[in-house]
């Protein structure tokens, strides 16, 4: 089948839905959203903490938020991107509210603001401890009620379409690569359909599922990054994988591991060893509220020093009723494991959480490939630099949805559908009977990334990861050519591609910076001067 849409949005989290709503409002054509699972299972819905925006102008300023972001990013953030997000944030918060998203308020009607690690002021808007789910709910209702948006649930984008599919040789040096849409797997027919588009927008989220333990859902396999990289698009900063310092330690839940929001430390939670000793004073004067990279490395080191598989977060000194009020879902989750957080320590450990790098884009979300935009976690705007400041990601997605919508609406009438695109060719391939090979390869990728490309790295470990991933790549590509496209083998290909990119970028950075810490270069390059 061949489908034609003016705007093709691949992904359905806050970035994809915000963009779809913004362009649909302009009435400049039909929008299609390709959703890998059901509409409510995007990574957005797993975000607990909140959305960062300067709201209380009496004490907070744009300059403070900009400075906090650049400091957390280890001074390699793109200042223009930082200023754009920070200054546009309040207006985009108003739009989220207009779409039906509810943020907690005080009795006087003002927003009940939290503070998180790395922030100098209280500026985190939230909805209890399930802000992402509330944003997803509000946007889903708006999307479903919009007649200009078609949603294709449980469809999987296999590749984006470029000149390569027309028989033109495309390399990383090719000028003017163009995107004409995507090949998409229909789960009912098990056929790969052709979706032609004037504008394509990649909003596929993160890649935490390449690691053994992650706060991301199983669908976070880095699909968009891998597809754009294979299409010879530019990616950037892939070494900067953020590990959330505190997920609930439960060996039976690794994909996703249950997140213990950073707001709990902003609330007054203290990191301790299981014996009750504090340890953050050895690592940073900001203690438990230091930026995530510092806290994650500190916990990793303490676990290795003491030979333990977790540390603890203590909120037992706080008012029990207040704790239950602010963190109802965390309270119930822990209670289901026999842990009463008002009287017991919470067992926590780091887990892969957020990709700060990704598909390189400009201030309008435009990639190096014409007619292709990237938004949200799969993109690299430069905002996060070497380390994302807590709660900056959701607002980044909405701000860039705004700039991308403006830019693409200006240009969409200049484009046309490319009717020369051939249908997906799977002639001569067979149905894949060797599922065990794919399952085992996924496990191997998880182990390789966890053991060799984790919180603390070395050239020796990275080279070992490179060699193992290279072998898996060859095996998987050979299998992909022989069998019909399926979601599981496509996800495996994407995971291997993303694992390779993280490893390659990590090897190329000859310093420790932000989220990338290597024992071979334990200081900043500029510290050597």
Protein backbone atom coordinates (compact mmCIF):
# COMPACT_ATOMS: atom_id res chain seq x y z
CA UNK A 1 0.00 0.00 0.00
CA UNK A 2 1.06 3.60 -0.66
CA UNK A 3 -0.18 6.40 1.61
CA UNK A 4 0.30 10.14 1.15
CA UNK A 5 0.37 12.70 3.95
CA UNK A 6 1.53 16.30 4.06
CA UNK A 7 3.13 15.72 7.47
CA UNK A 8 4.41 12.33 8.63
CA UNK A 9 5.26 12.20 12.35
CA UNK A 10 7.15 9.10 13.50
CA UNK A 11 6.64 8.77 17.25
CA UNK A 12 3.87 9.78 19.64
CA UNK A 13 5.36 11.23 22.82
CA UNK A 14 5.21 14.86 23.90
CA UNK A 15 7.35 15.96 20.93
CA UNK A 16 5.35 14.13 18.27
CA UNK A 17 1.91 15.02 19.62
CA UNK A 18 2.84 18.68 20.26
CA UNK A 19 4.12 19.03 16.69
CA UNK A 20 1.07 17.26 15.22
CA UNK A 21 -1.32 19.52 17.13
CA UNK A 22 0.55 22.66 16.10
CA UNK A 23 0.60 21.89 12.35
CA UNK A 24 -2.93 20.46 12.33
CA UNK A 25 -4.17 23.75 13.77
CA UNK A 26 -2.80 25.57 10.69
CA UNK A 27 -5.03 23.53 8.32
CA UNK A 28 -2.26 23.13 5.76
CA UNK A 29 -2.74 19.45 5.11
CA UNK A 30 -3.26 16.04 6.65
CA UNK A 31 -1.06 14.75 9.50
CA UNK A 32 -0.21 11.09 10.14
CA UNK A 33 1.35 9.86 13.38
CA UNK A 34 3.13 6.50 13.31
CA UNK A 35 2.95 5.03 16.81
CA UNK A 36 5.14 2.02 17.60
CA UNK A 37 2.77 0.69 20.28
CA UNK A 38 -0.42 2.19 21.68
CA UNK A 39 -0.65 5.96 21.99
CA UNK A 40 -0.27 5.90 25.78
CA UNK A 41 3.01 3.95 25.94
CA UNK A 42 5.48 6.67 24.90
CA UNK A 43 8.55 7.42 27.02
CA UNK A 44 6.88 10.70 28.01
CA UNK A 45 4.39 8.87 30.20
CA UNK A 46 7.23 7.47 32.35
CA UNK A 47 8.53 10.93 33.31
CA UNK A 48 7.78 11.64 36.96
CA UNK A 49 9.57 14.84 37.92
CA UNK A 50 8.10 17.63 35.84
CA UNK A 51 8.71 20.48 33.43
CA UNK A 52 11.27 23.24 34.04
CA UNK A 53 10.15 26.80 33.33
CA UNK A 54 10.77 30.17 34.91
CA UNK A 55 7.37 30.86 36.45
CA UNK A 56 7.86 32.70 39.74
CA UNK A 57 9.34 35.92 38.36
CA UNK A 58 9.69 37.41 41.87
CA UNK A 59 12.70 35.22 42.65
CA UNK A 60 13.57 33.38 39.41
CA UNK A 61 14.95 34.73 36.13
CA UNK A 62 15.74 33.48 32.64
CA UNK A 63 19.42 34.18 33.29
CA UNK A 64 19.41 31.85 36.32
CA UNK A 65 17.79 29.02 34.34
CA UNK A 66 20.23 29.56 31.46
CA UNK A 67 23.22 29.48 33.84
CA UNK A 68 21.96 26.33 35.60
CA UNK A 69 21.54 24.57 32.24
CA UNK A 70 25.02 25.51 31.01
CA UNK A 71 26.69 24.52 34.30
CA UNK A 72 24.92 21.14 34.32
CA UNK A 73 25.92 20.66 30.65
CA UNK A 74 29.58 21.06 31.63
CA UNK A 75 29.89 24.26 29.58
CA UNK A 76 29.46 22.66 26.16
CA UNK A 77 25.77 23.42 25.64
CA UNK A 78 24.82 25.50 22.60
CA UNK A 79 23.97 28.85 24.20
CA UNK A 80 21.52 29.79 21.43
CA UNK A 81 19.58 26.57 22.01
CA UNK A 82 19.60 27.14 25.77
CA UNK A 83 18.31 30.69 25.45
CA UNK A 84 15.63 29.66 22.97
CA UNK A 85 14.24 26.92 25.23
CA UNK A 86 14.40 28.93 28.46
CA UNK A 87 12.84 32.09 27.01
CA UNK A 88 10.10 30.28 25.08
CA UNK A 89 9.22 27.92 27.95
CA UNK A 90 6.56 30.02 29.78
CA UNK A 91 4.50 30.49 26.60
CA UNK A 92 4.65 26.76 25.83
CA UNK A 93 3.53 25.94 29.38
CA UNK A 94 0.43 28.06 28.68
CA UNK A 95 -0.19 26.04 25.51
CA UNK A 96 0.10 22.73 27.41
CA UNK A 97 -2.48 24.02 29.89
CA UNK A 98 -4.71 25.09 26.98
CA UNK A 99 -4.50 21.54 25.59
CA UNK A 100 -5.83 20.25 28.90
CA UNK A 101 -2.68 19.38 30.89
CA UNK A 102 -3.07 19.92 34.64
CA UNK A 103 -0.19 21.05 36.85
CA UNK A 104 -0.47 21.08 40.66
CA UNK A 105 -1.31 24.42 42.23
CA UNK A 106 -1.24 25.90 45.72
CA UNK A 107 -4.33 27.14 47.53
CA UNK A 108 -3.70 30.67 46.21
CA UNK A 109 -3.87 29.43 42.59
CA UNK A 110 -0.16 29.72 41.80
CA UNK A 111 1.82 26.73 40.55
CA UNK A 112 3.23 24.42 43.25
CA UNK A 113 6.86 24.44 42.13
CA UNK A 114 9.46 21.78 42.96
CA UNK A 115 13.22 22.10 42.90
CA UNK A 116 15.53 19.42 41.50
CA UNK A 117 19.26 18.75 41.33
CA UNK A 118 21.28 21.46 39.57
CA UNK A 119 18.48 24.06 39.76
CA UNK A 120 19.16 27.23 41.77
CA UNK A 121 15.43 27.99 42.23
CA UNK A 122 12.06 26.25 42.56
CA UNK A 123 10.88 26.11 38.93
CA UNK A 124 9.61 22.57 38.28
CA UNK A 125 5.93 22.38 37.36
CA UNK A 126 4.51 18.96 38.12
CA UNK A 127 1.43 16.81 38.55
CA UNK A 128 2.06 14.83 41.77
CA UNK A 129 4.78 12.31 40.80
CA UNK A 130 3.37 11.33 37.39
CA UNK A 131 3.80 14.52 35.35
CA UNK A 132 4.70 12.70 32.13
CA UNK A 133 1.57 10.55 32.29
CA UNK A 134 -0.56 13.67 32.81
CA UNK A 135 1.03 15.44 29.83
CA UNK A 136 0.56 12.32 27.71
CA UNK A 137 -3.11 12.11 28.80
CA UNK A 138 -3.83 15.76 27.99
CA UNK A 139 -2.14 15.63 24.58
CA UNK A 140 -3.70 12.26 23.68
CA UNK A 141 -7.18 13.62 24.22
CA UNK A 142 -6.39 16.66 22.07
CA UNK A 143 -4.89 14.49 19.30
CA UNK A 144 -7.79 12.02 19.26
CA UNK A 145 -10.31 14.82 18.92
CA UNK A 146 -8.47 16.49 16.01
CA UNK A 147 -9.92 15.46 12.61
CA UNK A 148 -6.71 16.53 10.79
CA UNK A 149 -4.59 13.88 12.57
CA UNK A 150 -4.59 10.17 11.68
CA UNK A 151 -2.97 7.92 14.29
CA UNK A 152 -1.54 4.56 13.20
CA UNK A 153 -1.04 2.60 16.41
CA UNK A 154 1.21 -0.48 16.56
CA UNK A 155 2.93 0.46 13.28
CA UNK A 156 6.71 0.37 13.02
CA UNK A 157 8.89 2.62 10.86
CA UNK A 158 11.57 0.47 9.21
CA UNK A 159 13.54 3.08 7.22
CA UNK A 160 13.19 6.67 6.05
CA UNK A 161 13.10 7.08 2.27
CA UNK A 162 15.81 9.11 0.48
CA UNK A 163 17.46 9.25 -2.97
CA UNK A 164 19.20 6.02 -1.97
CA UNK A 165 15.93 4.16 -2.62
CA UNK A 166 15.79 5.69 -6.12
CA UNK A 167 19.13 4.11 -7.02
CA UNK A 168 21.27 7.19 -6.27
CA UNK A 169 24.51 6.60 -4.35
CA UNK A 170 24.25 8.53 -1.07
CA UNK A 171 27.23 9.07 1.24
CA UNK A 172 27.89 11.23 4.31
CA UNK A 173 29.43 13.80 1.96
CA UNK A 174 26.42 13.91 -0.37
CA UNK A 175 24.88 17.39 -0.51
CA UNK A 176 21.12 17.86 -0.44
CA UNK A 177 19.97 14.48 0.79
CA UNK A 178 16.16 14.60 0.87
CA UNK A 179 13.58 12.61 2.82
CA UNK A 180 10.44 11.53 0.96
CA UNK A 181 8.71 9.67 3.80
CA UNK A 182 9.20 6.25 5.35
CA UNK A 183 8.69 2.53 4.92
CA UNK A 184 6.33 1.36 7.68
CA UNK A 185 5.50 -2.16 8.84
CA UNK A 186 1.79 -2.89 9.25
CA UNK A 187 1.38 -5.50 12.02
CA UNK A 188 -1.96 -6.82 10.71
CA UNK A 189 -0.79 -7.57 7.17
CA UNK A 190 2.91 -8.06 8.09
CA UNK A 191 3.63 -6.00 4.97
CA UNK A 192 5.89 -2.95 4.70
CA UNK A 193 3.85 -0.05 3.32
CA UNK A 194 5.13 3.14 1.69
CA UNK A 195 4.25 6.44 3.39
CA UNK A 196 5.07 9.40 1.16
CA UNK A 197 5.26 12.80 2.85
CA UNK A 198 6.11 16.39 2.07
CA UNK A 199 7.59 16.77 5.57
CA UNK A 200 8.76 13.96 7.86
CA UNK A 201 9.36 14.47 11.58
CA UNK A 202 11.34 12.01 13.72
CA UNK A 203 10.08 11.89 17.32
CA UNK A 204 11.02 8.35 18.33
CA UNK A 205 12.35 9.04 21.83
CA UNK A 206 15.42 7.58 23.48
CA UNK A 207 17.52 4.44 23.48
CA UNK A 208 17.75 3.31 27.11
CA UNK A 209 16.69 -0.22 26.17
CA UNK A 210 20.17 -0.88 24.74
CA UNK A 211 21.27 -1.12 28.39
CA UNK A 212 20.55 -3.96 30.82
CA UNK A 213 18.84 -1.71 33.39
CA UNK A 214 16.94 1.38 32.29
CA UNK A 215 14.10 3.64 33.37
CA UNK A 216 12.91 3.61 29.74
CA UNK A 217 10.22 1.24 28.40
CA UNK A 218 11.23 -1.72 26.23
CA UNK A 219 10.29 0.26 23.10
CA UNK A 220 13.14 2.78 23.63
CA UNK A 221 15.50 1.12 21.15
CA UNK A 222 16.89 4.23 19.44
CA UNK A 223 14.95 3.67 16.22
CA UNK A 224 14.97 7.24 14.92
CA UNK A 225 18.67 7.81 15.57
CA UNK A 226 19.55 4.54 13.83
CA UNK A 227 17.29 5.21 10.83
CA UNK A 228 18.71 8.70 10.27
CA UNK A 229 22.29 7.47 10.72
CA UNK A 230 21.74 4.72 8.14
CA UNK A 231 20.32 7.39 5.80
CA UNK A 232 23.66 9.27 6.16
CA UNK A 233 22.21 11.98 8.42
CA UNK A 234 24.41 13.68 11.03
CA UNK A 235 24.37 12.54 14.66
CA UNK A 236 26.17 14.21 17.55
CA UNK A 237 27.17 13.79 21.23
CA UNK A 238 26.19 10.12 21.46
CA UNK A 239 28.71 9.51 24.26
CA UNK A 240 26.55 11.50 26.67
CA UNK A 241 24.18 8.87 28.09
CA UNK A 242 22.54 10.08 31.26
CA UNK A 243 22.16 7.53 34.01
CA UNK A 244 19.44 8.45 36.47
CA UNK A 245 20.98 8.06 39.92
CA UNK A 246 17.89 6.65 41.57
CA UNK A 247 15.69 3.92 40.19
CA UNK A 248 14.03 1.50 42.57
CA UNK A 249 16.30 -1.50 43.11
CA UNK A 250 14.24 -4.51 42.05
CA UNK A 251 16.11 -7.25 40.13
CA UNK A 252 12.79 -8.44 38.66
CA UNK A 253 12.11 -5.08 36.98
CA UNK A 254 14.83 -3.81 34.66
CA UNK A 255 12.93 -2.70 31.51
CA UNK A 256 11.67 -0.34 32.76
CA UNK A 257 13.11 -0.01 36.22
CA UNK A 258 10.78 2.07 38.39
CA UNK A 259 11.97 5.67 38.61
CA UNK A 260 12.38 7.42 41.96
CA UNK A 261 12.06 11.03 40.84
CA UNK A 262 14.77 13.58 41.51
CA UNK A 263 12.06 15.74 43.05
CA UNK A 264 12.24 13.42 46.05
CA UNK A 265 15.78 14.65 46.70
CA UNK A 266 14.63 18.21 46.08
CA UNK A 267 11.97 17.52 48.70
CA UNK A 268 14.68 16.65 51.22
CA UNK A 269 15.57 13.01 50.56
CA UNK A 270 19.11 12.06 51.62
CA UNK A 271 21.29 9.45 49.94
CA UNK A 272 22.78 6.96 52.38
CA UNK A 273 24.47 3.57 52.52
CA UNK A 274 22.26 0.71 53.76
CA UNK A 275 23.89 1.12 57.20
CA UNK A 276 22.66 4.72 57.42
CA UNK A 277 25.94 6.51 56.63
CA UNK A 278 25.79 9.50 54.28
CA UNK A 279 28.40 9.68 51.49
CA UNK A 280 27.66 12.56 49.10
CA UNK A 281 29.77 14.96 51.17
CA UNK A 282 32.81 13.12 49.78
CA UNK A 283 31.87 14.05 46.21
CA UNK A 284 30.12 17.43 45.99
CA UNK A 285 29.19 20.32 48.26
CA UNK A 286 25.64 20.21 46.85
CA UNK A 287 25.31 16.76 48.45
CA UNK A 288 22.24 14.80 47.27
CA UNK A 289 21.18 17.69 45.01
CA UNK A 290 24.32 17.66 42.86
CA UNK A 291 23.74 17.16 39.08
CA UNK A 292 22.88 13.68 37.94
CA UNK A 293 26.25 12.73 36.46
CA UNK A 294 28.03 13.46 39.76
CA UNK A 295 25.42 11.65 41.88
CA UNK A 296 25.32 8.60 39.55
CA UNK A 297 29.13 8.25 39.60
CA UNK A 298 29.21 8.66 43.38
CA UNK A 299 26.62 5.91 43.85
CA UNK A 300 28.41 3.67 41.34
CA UNK A 301 31.69 4.13 43.23
CA UNK A 302 30.14 3.48 46.65
CA UNK A 303 28.48 0.31 45.37
CA UNK A 304 31.84 -0.93 44.08
CA UNK A 305 33.75 0.07 47.23
CA UNK A 306 31.31 -1.72 49.54
CA UNK A 307 30.39 -4.58 47.22
CA UNK A 308 26.67 -3.77 47.35
CA UNK A 309 24.03 -3.71 44.62
CA UNK A 310 22.23 -0.57 45.81
CA UNK A 311 22.32 2.43 48.11
CA UNK A 312 19.35 4.05 49.85
CA UNK A 313 17.26 7.20 49.77
CA UNK A 314 15.96 8.37 53.13
CA UNK A 315 12.81 10.50 53.53
CA UNK A 316 11.84 9.10 56.94
CA UNK A 317 12.66 12.45 58.59
CA UNK A 318 9.95 14.20 56.55
CA UNK A 319 6.29 14.52 57.53
CA UNK A 320 4.61 11.21 56.54
CA UNK A 321 1.36 12.80 55.35
CA UNK A 322 3.27 15.31 53.23
CA UNK A 323 5.38 12.53 51.70
CA UNK A 324 2.30 10.49 50.81
CA UNK A 325 0.66 13.60 49.34
CA UNK A 326 3.60 14.61 47.13
CA UNK A 327 4.62 11.10 46.02
CA UNK A 328 1.48 8.93 46.03
CA UNK A 329 2.57 6.60 43.23
CA UNK A 330 6.07 6.04 44.62
CA UNK A 331 4.55 5.42 48.05
CA UNK A 332 2.16 2.77 46.69
CA UNK A 333 4.80 1.15 44.48
CA UNK A 334 7.24 0.75 47.37
CA UNK A 335 4.43 -0.43 49.66
CA UNK A 336 3.69 -3.21 47.16
CA UNK A 337 7.27 -4.41 47.81
CA UNK A 338 6.86 -4.22 51.59
CA UNK A 339 8.64 -0.85 51.89
CA UNK A 340 6.91 2.00 53.73
CA UNK A 341 8.89 5.05 52.60
CA UNK A 342 7.72 7.06 55.62
CA UNK A 343 9.55 4.66 57.94
CA UNK A 344 11.92 2.65 55.69
CA UNK A 345 14.83 3.52 53.40
CA UNK A 346 14.17 3.24 49.65
CA UNK A 347 16.71 0.95 47.90
CA UNK A 348 18.00 2.75 44.79
CA UNK A 349 20.65 2.42 42.09
CA UNK A 350 21.55 4.17 38.80
CA UNK A 351 20.04 3.13 35.46
CA UNK A 352 20.29 4.32 31.86
CA UNK A 353 17.79 7.14 31.57
CA UNK A 354 18.29 9.74 28.84
CA UNK A 355 20.28 10.28 25.64
CA UNK A 356 21.64 13.84 25.51
CA UNK A 357 22.97 13.35 22.00
CA UNK A 358 21.16 12.17 18.90
CA UNK A 359 20.20 13.47 15.47
CA UNK A 360 21.84 16.87 15.04
CA UNK A 361 19.33 19.66 14.42
CA UNK A 362 19.33 23.44 14.12
CA UNK A 363 17.15 25.88 16.10
CA UNK A 364 14.15 24.87 13.97
CA UNK A 365 14.62 21.14 14.54
CA UNK A 366 15.83 20.70 10.93
CA UNK A 367 18.25 17.81 10.42
CA UNK A 368 21.10 17.60 7.90
CA UNK A 369 18.61 15.86 5.59
CA UNK A 370 16.17 18.18 3.80
CA UNK A 371 12.45 17.82 4.58
CA UNK A 372 13.34 15.87 7.74
CA UNK A 373 13.01 17.28 11.27
CA UNK A 374 13.85 15.61 14.59
CA UNK A 375 12.34 16.52 17.94
CA UNK A 376 12.54 15.32 21.53
CA UNK A 377 15.00 12.83 22.93
CA UNK A 378 16.06 11.40 19.54
CA UNK A 379 17.37 14.86 18.55
CA UNK A 380 20.49 16.73 19.63
CA UNK A 381 19.67 20.43 19.87
CA UNK A 382 22.75 21.32 21.90
CA UNK A 383 20.60 22.30 24.89
CA UNK A 384 21.92 19.58 27.17
CA UNK A 385 25.60 19.72 26.30
CA UNK A 386 27.43 17.09 28.33
CA UNK A 387 24.60 16.46 30.79
CA UNK A 388 20.88 17.25 30.86
CA UNK A 389 19.60 19.46 33.65
CA UNK A 390 16.66 17.76 35.35
CA UNK A 391 13.23 18.44 33.81
CA UNK A 392 14.62 20.32 30.80
CA UNK A 393 13.68 17.55 28.35
CA UNK A 394 9.89 17.82 28.25
CA UNK A 395 9.99 21.59 27.76
CA UNK A 396 12.70 21.21 25.09
CA UNK A 397 10.38 18.88 23.16
CA UNK A 398 7.47 21.35 23.23
CA UNK A 399 9.61 24.39 22.36
CA UNK A 400 11.22 22.65 19.37
CA UNK A 401 7.81 21.34 18.29
CA UNK A 402 6.85 25.00 18.07
CA UNK A 403 9.91 26.13 16.06
CA UNK A 404 9.73 23.07 13.77
CA UNK A 405 6.02 23.62 13.16
CA UNK A 406 6.60 27.26 12.22
CA UNK A 407 9.47 26.36 9.88
CA UNK A 408 7.84 23.38 8.20
CA UNK A 409 4.56 25.26 7.67
CA UNK A 410 6.52 27.95 5.83
CA UNK A 411 8.09 25.39 3.49
CA UNK A 412 5.54 22.59 3.07
CA UNK A 413 3.94 24.17 -0.03
CA UNK A 414 7.33 24.14 -1.76
CA UNK A 415 7.51 20.34 -1.58
CA UNK A 416 5.66 17.64 -3.46
CA UNK A 417 5.28 13.88 -3.13
CA UNK A 418 7.93 11.81 -4.88
CA UNK A 419 5.96 9.25 -6.85
CA UNK A 420 9.14 7.58 -8.16
CA UNK A 421 9.73 5.88 -4.78
CA UNK A 422 9.60 2.09 -5.24
CA UNK A 423 7.63 -0.21 -2.98
CA UNK A 424 9.50 -2.16 -0.29
CA UNK A 425 11.12 -5.21 -1.87
CA UNK A 426 11.09 -8.39 0.20
CA UNK A 427 11.04 -10.77 -2.73
CA UNK A 428 12.96 -13.95 -2.05
CA UNK A 429 13.03 -13.48 1.72
CA UNK A 430 11.51 -15.92 4.16
CA UNK A 431 9.58 -15.70 7.40
CA UNK A 432 11.97 -15.59 10.33
CA UNK A 433 11.83 -18.86 12.27
CA UNK A 434 14.98 -18.16 14.26
CA UNK A 435 13.53 -15.88 16.98
CA UNK A 436 15.97 -17.32 19.49
CA UNK A 437 18.87 -15.71 17.59
CA UNK A 438 17.29 -12.27 17.91
CA UNK A 439 16.40 -12.72 21.60
CA UNK A 440 19.93 -13.85 22.42
CA UNK A 441 21.49 -11.00 20.43
CA UNK A 442 19.39 -8.43 22.32
CA UNK A 443 20.66 -9.90 25.61
CA UNK A 444 24.22 -9.67 24.33
CA UNK A 445 23.79 -5.99 23.38
CA UNK A 446 22.40 -5.27 26.86
CA UNK A 447 25.33 -7.02 28.56
CA UNK A 448 27.96 -5.38 26.33
CA UNK A 449 26.61 -1.88 26.95
CA UNK A 450 26.16 -2.41 30.70
CA UNK A 451 29.61 -3.92 31.25
CA UNK A 452 31.75 -1.86 28.88
CA UNK A 453 29.95 1.40 28.03
CA UNK A 454 28.37 2.30 31.36
CA UNK A 455 28.83 5.09 33.92
CA UNK A 456 32.63 4.64 34.13
CA UNK A 457 34.51 3.72 30.94
CA UNK A 458 38.00 2.93 29.70
CA UNK A 459 39.51 2.54 26.23
CA UNK A 460 40.04 -1.17 26.88
CA UNK A 461 36.37 -1.70 27.72
CA UNK A 462 35.20 0.46 24.81
CA UNK A 463 37.36 -1.41 22.29
CA UNK A 464 35.98 -4.70 23.60
CA UNK A 465 32.44 -3.37 23.16
CA UNK A 466 33.31 -2.22 19.63
CA UNK A 467 34.60 -5.69 18.66
CA UNK A 468 31.58 -7.51 20.12
CA UNK A 469 29.09 -5.12 18.53
CA UNK A 470 30.84 -5.42 15.16
CA UNK A 471 30.37 -9.18 15.22
CA UNK A 472 26.70 -8.82 16.16
CA UNK A 473 26.23 -6.24 13.40
CA UNK A 474 27.52 -8.60 10.70
CA UNK A 475 25.37 -11.48 11.96
CA UNK A 476 22.23 -9.35 12.21
CA UNK A 477 22.62 -7.66 8.80
CA UNK A 478 23.04 -11.07 7.16
CA UNK A 479 19.89 -12.30 8.91
CA UNK A 480 17.96 -9.12 7.98
CA UNK A 481 18.72 -9.65 4.29
CA UNK A 482 17.40 -13.21 4.42
CA UNK A 483 14.14 -12.75 6.32
CA UNK A 484 11.01 -10.61 6.06
CA UNK A 485 11.11 -7.37 8.05
CA UNK A 486 9.70 -7.75 11.55
CA UNK A 487 9.59 -5.42 14.53
CA UNK A 488 11.99 -7.52 16.60
CA UNK A 489 14.78 -7.78 14.01
CA UNK A 490 14.43 -4.09 13.09
CA UNK A 491 14.70 -3.14 16.76
CA UNK A 492 17.80 -5.32 17.13
CA UNK A 493 19.43 -3.61 14.11
CA UNK A 494 18.67 -0.23 15.66
CA UNK A 495 20.03 -1.22 19.08
CA UNK A 496 23.29 -2.41 17.54
CA UNK A 497 23.61 0.80 15.48
CA UNK A 498 23.01 2.97 18.56
CA UNK A 499 25.35 0.91 20.74
CA UNK A 500 28.04 1.33 18.09
CA UNK A 501 27.49 5.11 17.95
CA UNK A 502 27.68 5.50 21.73
CA UNK A 503 30.89 3.45 21.78
CA UNK A 504 32.47 5.28 18.82
CA UNK A 505 31.75 8.74 20.19
CA UNK A 506 33.02 7.67 23.62
CA UNK A 507 36.30 6.49 22.09
CA UNK A 508 36.69 9.75 20.16
CA UNK A 509 36.32 12.01 23.24
CA UNK A 510 39.78 12.07 24.84
CA UNK A 511 38.67 13.65 28.12
CA UNK A 512 36.15 13.13 30.89
CA UNK A 513 33.32 15.54 30.42
CA UNK A 514 29.74 15.66 31.63
CA UNK A 515 28.24 12.18 31.46
CA UNK A 516 31.29 10.69 29.76
CA UNK A 517 33.82 9.58 32.38
CA UNK A 518 36.84 7.52 31.34
CA UNK A 519 39.66 6.27 33.53
CA UNK A 520 42.12 6.87 30.66
CA UNK A 521 41.38 10.61 30.56
CA UNK A 522 39.99 11.45 34.01
CA UNK A 523 40.14 15.25 33.60
CA UNK A 524 38.83 17.85 31.15
CA UNK A 525 41.01 18.57 28.15
CA UNK A 526 41.19 22.21 29.24
CA UNK A 527 42.40 21.20 32.73
CA UNK A 528 45.64 19.88 31.17
CA UNK A 529 46.60 23.28 29.80
